[in-house]
């Protein structure tokens, strides 16, 4: 199995809209609102083109035909703070069967490499709803530690507040 990260483009908009509007993906996001091609395009211009977000498409490389790849998810770094050398790491869940624990782990490691070695970050953090302990395990395997638990931090789709775990990793020495 193999994956690569490639910079996102406007042509990837239909994938982002499909993945982001999936109820399973929304349950992992702070914002539960749906997006459209138009709102995604506006987001792209305001955040990706300006460098506030470093967003990538995760392309799955076919085992039998290594020249063939296709998109299975998106990962990104946001709130790029070059002065303090920190940013937030986010991954989209998706319904693609290839976007499993193994490929998610690989995607996180590839993105961390970019954060530390390409963008010069010292600290990378991520927010995970406490109701998703499997994600906490996934991030721990990548080297993240629990930094804090934010009580009643975000609303869920039922209007109830949920705890969010902030996980952090520092650049290896």
N, C-alpha and C. Protein backbone atom coordinates (compact mmCIF):
# COMPACT_ATOMS: atom_id res chain seq x y z
N UNK A 1 0.84 -1.18 0.00
CA UNK A 1 0.00 0.00 0.00
C UNK A 1 0.88 1.23 0.00
N UNK A 2 0.46 2.23 -0.74
CA UNK A 2 1.19 3.48 -0.75
C UNK A 2 0.26 4.65 -0.93
N UNK A 3 0.68 5.77 -0.39
CA UNK A 3 -0.04 7.02 -0.60
C UNK A 3 0.97 8.12 -0.87
N UNK A 4 0.50 9.17 -1.49
CA UNK A 4 1.29 10.37 -1.65
C UNK A 4 0.41 11.57 -1.28
N UNK A 5 1.04 12.64 -0.88
CA UNK A 5 0.33 13.89 -0.66
C UNK A 5 0.66 14.81 -1.83
N UNK A 6 -0.37 15.38 -2.40
CA UNK A 6 -0.15 16.36 -3.46
C UNK A 6 -0.94 17.62 -3.10
N UNK A 7 -0.40 18.78 -3.46
CA UNK A 7 -1.12 20.02 -3.16
C UNK A 7 -2.52 20.00 -3.75
N UNK A 8 -3.46 20.49 -3.00
CA UNK A 8 -4.84 20.55 -3.45
C UNK A 8 -4.97 21.60 -4.55
N UNK A 9 -5.95 21.40 -5.43
CA UNK A 9 -6.25 22.40 -6.45
C UNK A 9 -7.76 22.64 -6.47
N UNK A 10 -8.17 23.66 -7.16
CA UNK A 10 -9.61 23.93 -7.29
C UNK A 10 -10.34 22.77 -7.94
N UNK A 11 -9.65 22.03 -8.79
CA UNK A 11 -10.27 20.87 -9.45
C UNK A 11 -10.65 19.77 -8.47
N UNK A 12 -10.08 19.80 -7.26
CA UNK A 12 -10.41 18.81 -6.24
C UNK A 12 -11.67 19.17 -5.46
N UNK A 13 -12.26 20.31 -5.78
CA UNK A 13 -13.44 20.79 -5.07
C UNK A 13 -14.55 19.76 -4.92
N UNK A 14 -14.92 19.04 -5.99
CA UNK A 14 -16.00 18.05 -5.83
C UNK A 14 -15.68 16.97 -4.79
N UNK A 15 -14.41 16.57 -4.67
CA UNK A 15 -14.04 15.59 -3.65
C UNK A 15 -14.22 16.18 -2.25
N UNK A 16 -13.74 17.40 -2.06
CA UNK A 16 -13.82 18.07 -0.75
C UNK A 16 -15.28 18.23 -0.34
N UNK A 17 -16.12 18.68 -1.27
CA UNK A 17 -17.54 18.87 -0.97
C UNK A 17 -18.18 17.54 -0.59
N UNK A 18 -17.88 16.49 -1.35
CA UNK A 18 -18.44 15.17 -1.06
C UNK A 18 -18.00 14.68 0.33
N UNK A 19 -16.70 14.75 0.59
CA UNK A 19 -16.19 14.25 1.88
C UNK A 19 -16.70 15.09 3.04
N UNK A 20 -16.61 16.41 2.91
CA UNK A 20 -16.93 17.31 4.02
C UNK A 20 -18.42 17.28 4.36
N UNK A 21 -19.28 16.99 3.39
CA UNK A 21 -20.72 16.96 3.65
C UNK A 21 -21.21 15.62 4.15
N UNK A 22 -20.34 14.64 4.22
CA UNK A 22 -20.69 13.33 4.77
C UNK A 22 -20.91 13.48 6.28
N UNK A 23 -22.01 12.95 6.79
CA UNK A 23 -22.33 13.09 8.22
C UNK A 23 -21.22 12.55 9.12
N UNK A 24 -20.56 11.49 8.68
CA UNK A 24 -19.48 10.92 9.49
C UNK A 24 -18.31 11.90 9.60
N UNK A 25 -18.00 12.57 8.50
CA UNK A 25 -16.93 13.57 8.52
C UNK A 25 -17.35 14.75 9.38
N UNK A 26 -18.57 15.24 9.20
CA UNK A 26 -19.06 16.38 9.98
C UNK A 26 -18.97 16.11 11.47
N UNK A 27 -19.19 14.88 11.89
CA UNK A 27 -19.17 14.57 13.32
C UNK A 27 -17.78 14.76 13.92
N UNK A 28 -16.75 14.82 13.08
CA UNK A 28 -15.37 15.02 13.54
C UNK A 28 -14.95 16.49 13.47
N UNK A 29 -15.79 17.33 12.90
CA UNK A 29 -15.43 18.73 12.67
C UNK A 29 -16.07 19.66 13.70
N UNK A 30 -15.38 20.74 13.99
CA UNK A 30 -15.95 21.74 14.90
C UNK A 30 -17.18 22.39 14.28
N UNK A 31 -17.10 22.69 12.99
CA UNK A 31 -18.24 23.26 12.28
C UNK A 31 -19.04 22.13 11.63
N UNK A 32 -20.31 22.13 11.85
CA UNK A 32 -21.17 21.07 11.30
C UNK A 32 -21.89 21.51 10.03
N UNK A 33 -21.62 22.71 9.56
CA UNK A 33 -22.33 23.22 8.39
C UNK A 33 -21.83 22.53 7.12
N UNK A 34 -22.73 22.42 6.16
CA UNK A 34 -22.39 21.85 4.87
C UNK A 34 -21.67 22.89 4.03
N UNK A 35 -20.95 22.40 3.01
CA UNK A 35 -20.28 23.31 2.09
C UNK A 35 -20.76 23.05 0.67
N UNK A 36 -20.53 24.01 -0.20
CA UNK A 36 -20.89 23.90 -1.61
C UNK A 36 -19.62 24.08 -2.44
N UNK A 37 -19.73 23.82 -3.72
CA UNK A 37 -18.59 24.07 -4.62
C UNK A 37 -18.19 25.55 -4.51
N UNK A 38 -19.18 26.43 -4.45
CA UNK A 38 -18.90 27.87 -4.39
C UNK A 38 -18.23 28.25 -3.06
N UNK A 39 -18.74 27.73 -1.95
CA UNK A 39 -18.11 28.07 -0.66
C UNK A 39 -16.73 27.45 -0.55
N UNK A 40 -16.54 26.27 -1.12
CA UNK A 40 -15.22 25.65 -1.13
C UNK A 40 -14.24 26.48 -1.96
N UNK A 41 -14.71 27.00 -3.09
CA UNK A 41 -13.85 27.83 -3.93
C UNK A 41 -13.45 29.12 -3.19
N UNK A 42 -14.41 29.73 -2.50
CA UNK A 42 -14.11 30.94 -1.72
C UNK A 42 -13.10 30.62 -0.62
N UNK A 43 -13.28 29.47 0.05
CA UNK A 43 -12.34 29.03 1.08
C UNK A 43 -10.95 28.83 0.49
N UNK A 44 -10.88 28.21 -0.67
CA UNK A 44 -9.60 27.95 -1.34
C UNK A 44 -8.86 29.27 -1.59
N UNK A 45 -9.57 30.25 -2.15
CA UNK A 45 -8.94 31.53 -2.45
C UNK A 45 -8.51 32.26 -1.17
N UNK A 46 -9.34 32.22 -0.13
CA UNK A 46 -9.05 32.95 1.10
C UNK A 46 -8.01 32.27 1.98
N UNK A 47 -7.90 30.95 1.91
CA UNK A 47 -7.04 30.24 2.86
C UNK A 47 -5.89 29.46 2.23
N UNK A 48 -6.15 28.74 1.17
CA UNK A 48 -5.09 27.93 0.56
C UNK A 48 -4.16 28.82 -0.27
N UNK A 49 -4.74 29.65 -1.12
CA UNK A 49 -3.89 30.51 -1.95
C UNK A 49 -3.08 31.51 -1.13
N UNK A 50 -3.60 31.92 0.01
CA UNK A 50 -2.90 32.89 0.86
C UNK A 50 -1.86 32.24 1.77
N UNK A 51 -1.86 30.90 1.84
CA UNK A 51 -0.89 30.20 2.68
C UNK A 51 -1.33 30.00 4.12
N UNK A 52 -2.54 30.43 4.47
CA UNK A 52 -3.03 30.19 5.84
C UNK A 52 -3.22 28.70 6.08
N UNK A 53 -3.56 27.99 5.02
CA UNK A 53 -3.72 26.53 5.07
C UNK A 53 -2.74 25.93 4.07
N UNK A 54 -2.15 24.80 4.44
CA UNK A 54 -1.35 23.99 3.53
C UNK A 54 -2.14 22.70 3.38
N UNK A 55 -2.96 22.64 2.34
CA UNK A 55 -3.89 21.52 2.18
C UNK A 55 -3.43 20.60 1.07
N UNK A 56 -3.60 19.31 1.32
CA UNK A 56 -3.15 18.28 0.40
C UNK A 56 -4.25 17.25 0.16
N UNK A 57 -4.22 16.68 -1.02
CA UNK A 57 -5.05 15.52 -1.32
C UNK A 57 -4.18 14.29 -1.08
N UNK A 58 -4.77 13.30 -0.43
CA UNK A 58 -4.10 12.02 -0.23
C UNK A 58 -4.48 11.15 -1.42
N UNK A 59 -3.50 10.83 -2.23
CA UNK A 59 -3.73 9.94 -3.37
C UNK A 59 -3.27 8.53 -3.01
N UNK A 60 -4.14 7.58 -3.24
CA UNK A 60 -3.84 6.17 -3.02
C UNK A 60 -3.18 5.63 -4.28
N UNK A 61 -2.06 4.95 -4.11
CA UNK A 61 -1.35 4.36 -5.25
C UNK A 61 -1.78 2.90 -5.38
N UNK A 62 -2.33 2.56 -6.52
CA UNK A 62 -2.81 1.21 -6.77
C UNK A 62 -1.65 0.21 -6.74
N UNK A 63 -1.83 -0.87 -5.98
CA UNK A 63 -0.77 -1.90 -5.86
C UNK A 63 -0.47 -2.60 -7.17
N UNK A 64 -1.53 -2.94 -7.88
CA UNK A 64 -1.37 -3.70 -9.11
C UNK A 64 -0.91 -2.83 -10.28
N UNK A 65 -1.26 -1.57 -10.24
CA UNK A 65 -0.90 -0.64 -11.31
C UNK A 65 -0.31 0.62 -10.68
N UNK A 66 0.97 0.59 -10.26
CA UNK A 66 1.55 1.70 -9.52
C UNK A 66 1.55 3.05 -10.24
N UNK A 67 1.29 3.03 -11.53
CA UNK A 67 1.21 4.30 -12.26
C UNK A 67 -0.16 4.96 -12.05
N UNK A 68 -1.08 4.26 -11.41
CA UNK A 68 -2.43 4.76 -11.20
C UNK A 68 -2.60 5.18 -9.75
N UNK A 69 -3.11 6.38 -9.56
CA UNK A 69 -3.44 6.84 -8.22
C UNK A 69 -4.78 7.57 -8.28
N UNK A 70 -5.43 7.64 -7.12
CA UNK A 70 -6.71 8.33 -7.06
C UNK A 70 -6.92 8.88 -5.66
N UNK A 71 -7.69 9.99 -5.54
CA UNK A 71 -7.86 10.66 -4.24
C UNK A 71 -8.74 9.87 -3.29
N UNK A 72 -8.29 9.82 -2.03
CA UNK A 72 -9.08 9.12 -1.00
C UNK A 72 -9.38 9.99 0.21
N UNK A 73 -8.69 11.12 0.36
CA UNK A 73 -8.92 11.97 1.54
C UNK A 73 -8.17 13.28 1.38
N UNK A 74 -8.29 14.12 2.38
CA UNK A 74 -7.56 15.37 2.43
C UNK A 74 -6.97 15.55 3.82
N UNK A 75 -5.77 16.09 3.87
CA UNK A 75 -5.11 16.44 5.13
C UNK A 75 -4.58 17.85 4.98
N UNK A 76 -4.46 18.54 6.10
CA UNK A 76 -3.98 19.92 5.98
C UNK A 76 -3.41 20.44 7.29
N UNK A 77 -2.60 21.47 7.12
CA UNK A 77 -2.07 22.24 8.24
C UNK A 77 -2.75 23.59 8.16
N UNK A 78 -3.17 24.12 9.30
CA UNK A 78 -3.83 25.42 9.28
C UNK A 78 -3.30 26.31 10.39
N UNK A 79 -3.69 27.57 10.30
CA UNK A 79 -3.23 28.57 11.26
C UNK A 79 -1.71 28.56 11.37
N UNK A 80 -1.07 28.67 10.22
CA UNK A 80 0.38 28.63 10.13
C UNK A 80 0.97 29.83 10.86
N UNK A 81 1.55 29.62 12.02
CA UNK A 81 2.14 30.67 12.85
C UNK A 81 3.66 30.56 12.72
N UNK A 82 4.21 31.29 11.75
CA UNK A 82 5.65 31.19 11.47
C UNK A 82 6.49 31.86 12.55
N UNK A 83 5.92 32.83 13.25
CA UNK A 83 6.66 33.51 14.32
C UNK A 83 6.91 32.56 15.49
N UNK A 84 5.87 31.86 15.92
CA UNK A 84 5.99 30.92 17.04
C UNK A 84 6.24 29.49 16.60
N UNK A 85 6.26 29.28 15.28
CA UNK A 85 6.57 27.98 14.67
C UNK A 85 5.62 26.88 15.15
N UNK A 86 4.32 27.15 14.98
CA UNK A 86 3.31 26.17 15.37
C UNK A 86 2.14 26.23 14.40
N UNK A 87 1.41 25.12 14.32
CA UNK A 87 0.24 25.04 13.45
C UNK A 87 -0.63 23.87 13.89
N UNK A 88 -1.84 23.85 13.35
CA UNK A 88 -2.78 22.77 13.63
C UNK A 88 -2.79 21.78 12.48
N UNK A 89 -2.80 20.49 12.80
CA UNK A 89 -2.89 19.41 11.82
C UNK A 89 -4.31 18.86 11.82
N UNK A 90 -4.89 18.71 10.65
CA UNK A 90 -6.25 18.19 10.52
C UNK A 90 -6.30 17.13 9.44
N UNK A 91 -7.11 16.12 9.67
CA UNK A 91 -7.34 15.11 8.65
C UNK A 91 -8.85 14.98 8.44
N UNK A 92 -9.25 14.76 7.20
CA UNK A 92 -10.65 14.45 6.89
C UNK A 92 -10.81 12.94 6.99
N UNK A 93 -11.85 12.52 7.63
CA UNK A 93 -12.23 11.13 7.46
C UNK A 93 -12.90 11.05 6.10
N UNK A 94 -13.02 9.90 5.55
CA UNK A 94 -13.75 9.76 4.28
C UNK A 94 -14.33 8.36 4.22
N UNK A 95 -15.24 8.17 3.29
CA UNK A 95 -15.88 6.87 3.18
C UNK A 95 -15.08 5.90 2.31
N UNK A 96 -13.99 6.37 1.72
CA UNK A 96 -13.17 5.49 0.89
C UNK A 96 -12.53 4.40 1.75
N UNK A 97 -12.65 3.15 1.32
CA UNK A 97 -12.15 2.04 2.13
C UNK A 97 -10.64 2.08 2.29
N UNK A 98 -9.95 2.72 1.34
CA UNK A 98 -8.49 2.82 1.43
C UNK A 98 -8.04 3.81 2.49
N UNK A 99 -8.94 4.69 2.96
CA UNK A 99 -8.60 5.65 4.00
C UNK A 99 -8.85 5.00 5.35
N UNK A 100 -7.94 4.08 5.67
CA UNK A 100 -8.05 3.26 6.88
C UNK A 100 -6.96 3.67 7.87
N UNK A 101 -6.83 2.94 8.95
CA UNK A 101 -5.84 3.26 9.99
C UNK A 101 -4.44 3.34 9.41
N UNK A 102 -4.09 2.42 8.54
CA UNK A 102 -2.74 2.40 7.97
C UNK A 102 -2.48 3.64 7.11
N UNK A 103 -3.40 3.96 6.22
CA UNK A 103 -3.19 5.12 5.34
C UNK A 103 -3.31 6.43 6.13
N UNK A 104 -4.19 6.48 7.13
CA UNK A 104 -4.29 7.67 7.96
C UNK A 104 -2.98 7.91 8.71
N UNK A 105 -2.41 6.84 9.25
CA UNK A 105 -1.13 6.95 9.96
C UNK A 105 -0.03 7.44 9.02
N UNK A 106 0.00 6.91 7.81
CA UNK A 106 0.98 7.35 6.82
C UNK A 106 0.75 8.81 6.46
N UNK A 107 -0.50 9.20 6.29
CA UNK A 107 -0.82 10.59 5.95
C UNK A 107 -0.38 11.56 7.03
N UNK A 108 -0.60 11.20 8.29
CA UNK A 108 -0.17 12.05 9.41
C UNK A 108 1.35 12.19 9.41
N UNK A 109 2.05 11.08 9.22
CA UNK A 109 3.52 11.13 9.22
C UNK A 109 4.06 11.97 8.07
N UNK A 110 3.48 11.84 6.88
CA UNK A 110 3.90 12.65 5.75
C UNK A 110 3.64 14.14 6.00
N UNK A 111 2.51 14.44 6.61
CA UNK A 111 2.16 15.83 6.89
C UNK A 111 3.05 16.41 7.99
N UNK A 112 3.38 15.59 8.99
CA UNK A 112 4.30 16.06 10.04
C UNK A 112 5.67 16.35 9.45
N UNK A 113 6.11 15.52 8.53
CA UNK A 113 7.39 15.77 7.88
C UNK A 113 7.38 17.12 7.18
N UNK A 114 6.30 17.42 6.50
CA UNK A 114 6.18 18.73 5.84
C UNK A 114 6.16 19.85 6.87
N UNK A 115 5.39 19.69 7.94
CA UNK A 115 5.29 20.73 8.96
C UNK A 115 6.66 21.05 9.55
N UNK A 116 7.41 20.02 9.92
CA UNK A 116 8.68 20.23 10.59
C UNK A 116 9.81 20.59 9.63
N UNK A 117 9.89 19.90 8.51
CA UNK A 117 11.06 20.05 7.63
C UNK A 117 10.86 21.00 6.47
N UNK A 118 9.63 21.17 6.02
CA UNK A 118 9.40 22.08 4.90
C UNK A 118 8.94 23.46 5.36
N UNK A 119 8.11 23.50 6.40
CA UNK A 119 7.55 24.77 6.86
C UNK A 119 8.20 25.28 8.15
N UNK A 120 9.13 24.53 8.71
CA UNK A 120 9.90 25.00 9.87
C UNK A 120 9.14 25.08 11.17
N UNK A 121 8.09 24.30 11.32
CA UNK A 121 7.32 24.32 12.56
C UNK A 121 8.09 23.59 13.68
N UNK A 122 7.84 24.03 14.91
CA UNK A 122 8.41 23.39 16.08
C UNK A 122 7.36 22.56 16.82
N UNK A 123 6.11 23.05 16.76
CA UNK A 123 5.01 22.41 17.49
C UNK A 123 3.82 22.24 16.55
N UNK A 124 3.23 21.06 16.56
CA UNK A 124 2.03 20.78 15.78
C UNK A 124 0.99 20.22 16.75
N UNK A 125 -0.22 20.71 16.64
CA UNK A 125 -1.29 20.25 17.54
C UNK A 125 -2.51 19.88 16.73
N UNK A 126 -3.38 19.13 17.36
CA UNK A 126 -4.62 18.71 16.72
C UNK A 126 -5.71 18.61 17.78
N UNK A 127 -6.94 18.82 17.37
CA UNK A 127 -8.09 18.72 18.27
C UNK A 127 -8.91 17.50 17.89
N UNK A 128 -9.26 16.71 18.90
CA UNK A 128 -10.02 15.47 18.68
C UNK A 128 -11.16 15.41 19.69
N UNK A 129 -12.35 15.16 19.20
CA UNK A 129 -13.48 14.98 20.12
C UNK A 129 -13.20 13.77 21.00
N UNK A 130 -13.45 13.89 22.28
CA UNK A 130 -13.16 12.80 23.22
C UNK A 130 -13.99 11.55 22.93
N UNK A 131 -15.09 11.69 22.19
CA UNK A 131 -15.92 10.53 21.85
C UNK A 131 -15.27 9.64 20.79
N UNK A 132 -14.10 10.04 20.28
CA UNK A 132 -13.39 9.25 19.27
C UNK A 132 -12.05 8.75 19.81
N UNK A 133 -12.08 7.80 20.76
CA UNK A 133 -10.82 7.32 21.36
C UNK A 133 -9.89 6.65 20.34
N UNK A 134 -10.44 6.10 19.26
CA UNK A 134 -9.60 5.47 18.23
C UNK A 134 -8.72 6.52 17.54
N UNK A 135 -9.20 7.75 17.45
CA UNK A 135 -8.38 8.82 16.88
C UNK A 135 -7.25 9.22 17.83
N UNK A 136 -7.55 9.21 19.11
CA UNK A 136 -6.52 9.51 20.11
C UNK A 136 -5.40 8.47 19.98
N UNK A 137 -5.76 7.21 19.84
CA UNK A 137 -4.77 6.14 19.67
C UNK A 137 -3.97 6.36 18.38
N UNK A 138 -4.64 6.71 17.29
CA UNK A 138 -3.98 6.97 16.02
C UNK A 138 -2.93 8.08 16.18
N UNK A 139 -3.29 9.16 16.83
CA UNK A 139 -2.36 10.27 17.01
C UNK A 139 -1.25 9.92 17.99
N UNK A 140 -1.55 9.14 19.01
CA UNK A 140 -0.49 8.70 19.93
C UNK A 140 0.54 7.85 19.20
N UNK A 141 0.09 6.99 18.29
CA UNK A 141 1.02 6.17 17.52
C UNK A 141 1.93 7.02 16.64
N UNK A 142 1.46 8.21 16.26
CA UNK A 142 2.26 9.12 15.46
C UNK A 142 3.20 9.96 16.32
N UNK A 143 3.10 9.81 17.65
CA UNK A 143 3.99 10.53 18.55
C UNK A 143 3.36 11.70 19.30
N UNK A 144 2.08 11.95 19.07
CA UNK A 144 1.39 13.03 19.77
C UNK A 144 1.14 12.64 21.23
N UNK A 145 1.10 13.64 22.09
CA UNK A 145 0.75 13.47 23.50
C UNK A 145 -0.48 14.33 23.80
N UNK A 146 -1.25 13.90 24.78
CA UNK A 146 -2.40 14.72 25.20
C UNK A 146 -1.86 15.92 25.96
N UNK A 147 -2.19 17.11 25.46
CA UNK A 147 -1.74 18.34 26.09
C UNK A 147 -2.79 18.85 27.07
N UNK A 148 -4.06 18.75 26.68
CA UNK A 148 -5.12 19.20 27.57
C UNK A 148 -6.47 18.65 27.11
N UNK A 149 -7.41 18.70 28.02
CA UNK A 149 -8.79 18.34 27.70
C UNK A 149 -9.60 19.62 27.87
N UNK A 150 -10.24 20.01 26.80
CA UNK A 150 -11.04 21.23 26.79
C UNK A 150 -12.49 20.85 27.05
N UNK A 151 -12.96 21.18 28.23
CA UNK A 151 -14.31 20.79 28.66
C UNK A 151 -15.38 21.59 27.91
N UNK A 152 -16.41 20.87 27.48
CA UNK A 152 -17.57 21.47 26.81
C UNK A 152 -17.12 22.50 25.76
N UNK A 153 -16.23 22.09 24.88
CA UNK A 153 -15.58 23.00 23.93
C UNK A 153 -16.39 23.26 22.67
N UNK A 154 -17.13 22.26 22.19
CA UNK A 154 -17.82 22.42 20.90
C UNK A 154 -19.17 21.73 20.91
N UNK A 155 -20.07 22.30 20.14
CA UNK A 155 -21.41 21.72 20.03
C UNK A 155 -21.40 20.54 19.06
N UNK A 156 -22.18 19.51 19.41
CA UNK A 156 -22.35 18.41 18.47
C UNK A 156 -23.62 18.67 17.64
N UNK A 157 -23.96 17.73 16.78
CA UNK A 157 -25.11 17.92 15.89
C UNK A 157 -26.45 17.92 16.62
N UNK A 158 -26.44 17.50 17.89
CA UNK A 158 -27.68 17.50 18.68
C UNK A 158 -27.80 18.75 19.56
N UNK A 159 -26.78 19.63 19.49
CA UNK A 159 -26.81 20.85 20.28
C UNK A 159 -26.22 20.71 21.68
N UNK A 160 -25.57 19.58 21.96
CA UNK A 160 -24.93 19.37 23.26
C UNK A 160 -23.44 19.68 23.15
N UNK A 161 -22.88 20.22 24.23
CA UNK A 161 -21.45 20.50 24.24
C UNK A 161 -20.66 19.23 24.52
N UNK A 162 -19.52 19.12 23.84
CA UNK A 162 -18.66 17.95 23.99
C UNK A 162 -17.24 18.38 24.36
N UNK A 163 -16.55 17.46 25.05
CA UNK A 163 -15.15 17.69 25.39
C UNK A 163 -14.29 17.43 24.16
N UNK A 164 -13.21 18.20 24.07
CA UNK A 164 -12.26 18.07 22.97
C UNK A 164 -10.87 17.90 23.57
N UNK A 165 -10.11 17.00 23.01
CA UNK A 165 -8.75 16.73 23.47
C UNK A 165 -7.79 17.45 22.52
N UNK A 166 -6.87 18.21 23.11
CA UNK A 166 -5.81 18.83 22.31
C UNK A 166 -4.57 17.96 22.44
N UNK A 167 -4.08 17.50 21.29
CA UNK A 167 -2.89 16.65 21.26
C UNK A 167 -1.78 17.42 20.56
N UNK A 168 -0.54 17.19 21.02
CA UNK A 168 0.59 17.96 20.55
C UNK A 168 1.79 17.06 20.29
N UNK A 169 2.58 17.47 19.31
CA UNK A 169 3.87 16.83 19.05
C UNK A 169 4.88 17.93 18.77
N UNK A 170 6.10 17.76 19.24
CA UNK A 170 7.17 18.71 19.00
C UNK A 170 8.15 18.14 17.99
N UNK A 171 8.83 19.03 17.31
CA UNK A 171 9.81 18.60 16.31
C UNK A 171 10.86 17.72 16.99
N UNK A 172 11.13 16.56 16.41
CA UNK A 172 12.15 15.69 16.99
C UNK A 172 13.53 16.37 16.93
N UNK A 173 14.31 16.10 17.95
CA UNK A 173 15.66 16.70 18.01
C UNK A 173 16.67 15.87 17.29
